[in-house]
């Protein structure tokens, strides 16, 4: 059996989780029931998996993909990558604020997408300026 708050394995007769201190109750069928299950306890949701866990990871990966597509010669798709990366970061922050965990992969890929998309945008502006100066 596992803690409903942090997911740590518990002893059969445990009354509290040794890691997070969550109170554990056993119902008549022997199933572990957290006292605060489904509610906000100490500012943290007791659900183990955050709401946007998969969504943030997918958005972060897509942000990197759209930035990479820009190098194939398709203009302005890096802007879509930047927006997707920002959305992934915002969703991760939302999960971090409301749940015990958040998708670190979503956060990291979102940050990489925003940074690389911004770098591509700056690079494109510099190249555009240099080309314009050569034509004068």
Protein backbone atom coordinates (compact mmCIF):
# COMPACT_ATOMS: atom_id res chain seq x y z
CA UNK A 1 0.00 0.00 0.00
CA UNK A 2 1.11 3.54 -0.76
CA UNK A 3 0.62 7.02 0.67
CA UNK A 4 -2.09 8.94 -1.19
CA UNK A 5 -0.18 12.20 -0.80
CA UNK A 6 3.42 11.39 -1.74
CA UNK A 7 3.25 7.84 -3.14
CA UNK A 8 5.73 6.34 -0.64
CA UNK A 9 5.29 2.66 0.22
CA UNK A 10 3.70 2.20 3.66
CA UNK A 11 3.66 -0.58 6.24
CA UNK A 12 0.33 -2.41 6.56
CA UNK A 13 -0.36 -0.99 10.03
CA UNK A 14 0.99 2.53 9.42
CA UNK A 15 -1.06 5.38 10.84
CA UNK A 16 1.12 8.12 9.30
CA UNK A 17 3.37 8.31 6.25
CA UNK A 18 7.03 8.34 7.39
CA UNK A 19 7.95 10.77 4.57
CA UNK A 20 5.24 13.44 4.40
CA UNK A 21 3.39 12.81 7.69
CA UNK A 22 -0.01 12.35 6.02
CA UNK A 23 -2.52 10.60 8.30
CA UNK A 24 -3.58 7.23 6.88
CA UNK A 25 -6.86 5.46 7.63
CA UNK A 26 -7.88 1.94 6.67
CA UNK A 27 -11.52 1.36 5.72
CA UNK A 28 -13.35 -1.92 6.35
CA UNK A 29 -12.01 -3.49 3.15
CA UNK A 30 -8.40 -2.77 4.11
CA UNK A 31 -7.96 -0.06 1.46
CA UNK A 32 -5.84 2.89 2.53
CA UNK A 33 -7.82 6.11 2.64
CA UNK A 34 -6.18 9.47 3.17
CA UNK A 35 -8.08 11.75 5.53
CA UNK A 36 -7.70 14.70 3.19
CA UNK A 37 -8.08 12.83 -0.08
CA UNK A 38 -9.29 15.11 -2.85
CA UNK A 39 -9.00 18.27 -0.75
CA UNK A 40 -6.34 20.87 -0.25
CA UNK A 41 -4.25 19.98 2.79
CA UNK A 42 -1.57 22.42 3.90
CA UNK A 43 -1.83 24.17 0.52
CA UNK A 44 -1.04 21.01 -1.46
CA UNK A 45 -3.48 18.73 -3.26
CA UNK A 46 -3.35 15.18 -1.98
CA UNK A 47 -3.59 13.67 -5.46
CA UNK A 48 -0.35 12.00 -6.46
CA UNK A 49 -0.41 12.96 -10.14
CA UNK A 50 -0.96 16.58 -11.16
CA UNK A 51 -3.68 17.62 -13.57
CA UNK A 52 -1.39 18.74 -16.44
CA UNK A 53 1.40 16.15 -16.05
CA UNK A 54 1.19 14.72 -19.59
CA UNK A 55 -0.04 17.93 -21.21
CA UNK A 56 2.98 19.97 -20.12
CA UNK A 57 5.42 17.34 -21.34
CA UNK A 58 3.74 17.17 -24.76
CA UNK A 59 3.56 20.98 -25.05
CA UNK A 60 7.24 21.29 -24.11
CA UNK A 61 8.29 18.71 -26.69
CA UNK A 62 6.12 20.37 -29.35
CA UNK A 63 7.71 23.74 -28.58
CA UNK A 64 11.14 22.30 -29.36
CA UNK A 65 9.82 20.60 -32.51
CA UNK A 66 8.32 23.85 -33.84
CA UNK A 67 11.57 25.70 -33.20
CA UNK A 68 13.46 22.96 -35.06
CA UNK A 69 11.00 23.14 -37.99
CA UNK A 70 12.06 26.77 -38.44
CA UNK A 71 15.46 25.53 -39.59
CA UNK A 72 13.78 23.74 -42.50
CA UNK A 73 13.01 27.15 -43.98
CA UNK A 74 9.45 27.55 -42.77
CA UNK A 75 9.27 31.09 -41.37
CA UNK A 76 7.64 32.15 -38.07
CA UNK A 77 6.92 28.62 -36.77
CA UNK A 78 9.45 29.30 -34.01
CA UNK A 79 6.91 31.78 -32.63
CA UNK A 80 4.44 28.90 -32.21
CA UNK A 81 7.21 27.04 -30.37
CA UNK A 82 7.74 29.99 -28.05
CA UNK A 83 4.01 30.19 -27.27
CA UNK A 84 3.76 26.43 -26.63
CA UNK A 85 6.80 26.60 -24.35
CA UNK A 86 5.26 29.46 -22.36
CA UNK A 87 1.97 27.55 -22.01
CA UNK A 88 3.89 24.47 -20.78
CA UNK A 89 5.72 26.57 -18.18
CA UNK A 90 2.49 28.22 -16.99
CA UNK A 91 0.76 24.83 -16.64
CA UNK A 92 3.76 23.47 -14.71
CA UNK A 93 3.64 26.44 -12.36
CA UNK A 94 -0.09 25.81 -11.88
CA UNK A 95 0.59 22.17 -11.00
CA UNK A 96 3.44 23.18 -8.70
CA UNK A 97 1.14 25.59 -6.86
CA UNK A 98 -1.81 23.18 -6.49
CA UNK A 99 -0.23 19.71 -6.24
CA UNK A 100 2.70 18.07 -4.56
CA UNK A 101 4.43 17.31 -7.87
CA UNK A 102 4.69 18.76 -11.37
CA UNK A 103 6.18 17.55 -14.65
CA UNK A 104 9.87 18.43 -14.57
CA UNK A 105 10.17 17.17 -18.15
CA UNK A 106 7.40 19.58 -19.18
CA UNK A 107 9.09 22.46 -17.38
CA UNK A 108 12.53 21.72 -18.83
CA UNK A 109 11.32 21.20 -22.41
CA UNK A 110 9.14 24.32 -22.15
CA UNK A 111 12.12 26.40 -21.02
CA UNK A 112 14.31 24.94 -23.78
CA UNK A 113 11.58 25.74 -26.34
CA UNK A 114 11.25 29.35 -25.17
CA UNK A 115 15.00 29.95 -25.01
CA UNK A 116 15.78 28.30 -28.34
CA UNK A 117 12.80 29.99 -30.03
CA UNK A 118 13.93 33.37 -28.76
CA UNK A 119 17.47 32.62 -29.93
CA UNK A 120 16.20 31.71 -33.39
CA UNK A 121 14.16 34.93 -33.52
CA UNK A 122 17.20 37.04 -32.58
CA UNK A 123 19.37 35.15 -35.06
CA UNK A 124 16.78 35.75 -37.80
CA UNK A 125 16.67 39.47 -37.03
CA UNK A 126 20.47 39.76 -37.14
CA UNK A 127 20.67 37.89 -40.44
CA UNK A 128 17.88 40.04 -41.87
CA UNK A 129 19.67 43.23 -40.84
CA UNK A 130 22.97 42.02 -42.34
CA UNK A 131 21.27 41.10 -45.62
CA UNK A 132 19.53 44.48 -45.75
CA UNK A 133 22.84 46.27 -45.11
CA UNK A 134 24.54 44.38 -47.97
CA UNK A 135 21.81 45.41 -50.40
CA UNK A 136 22.39 49.11 -49.71
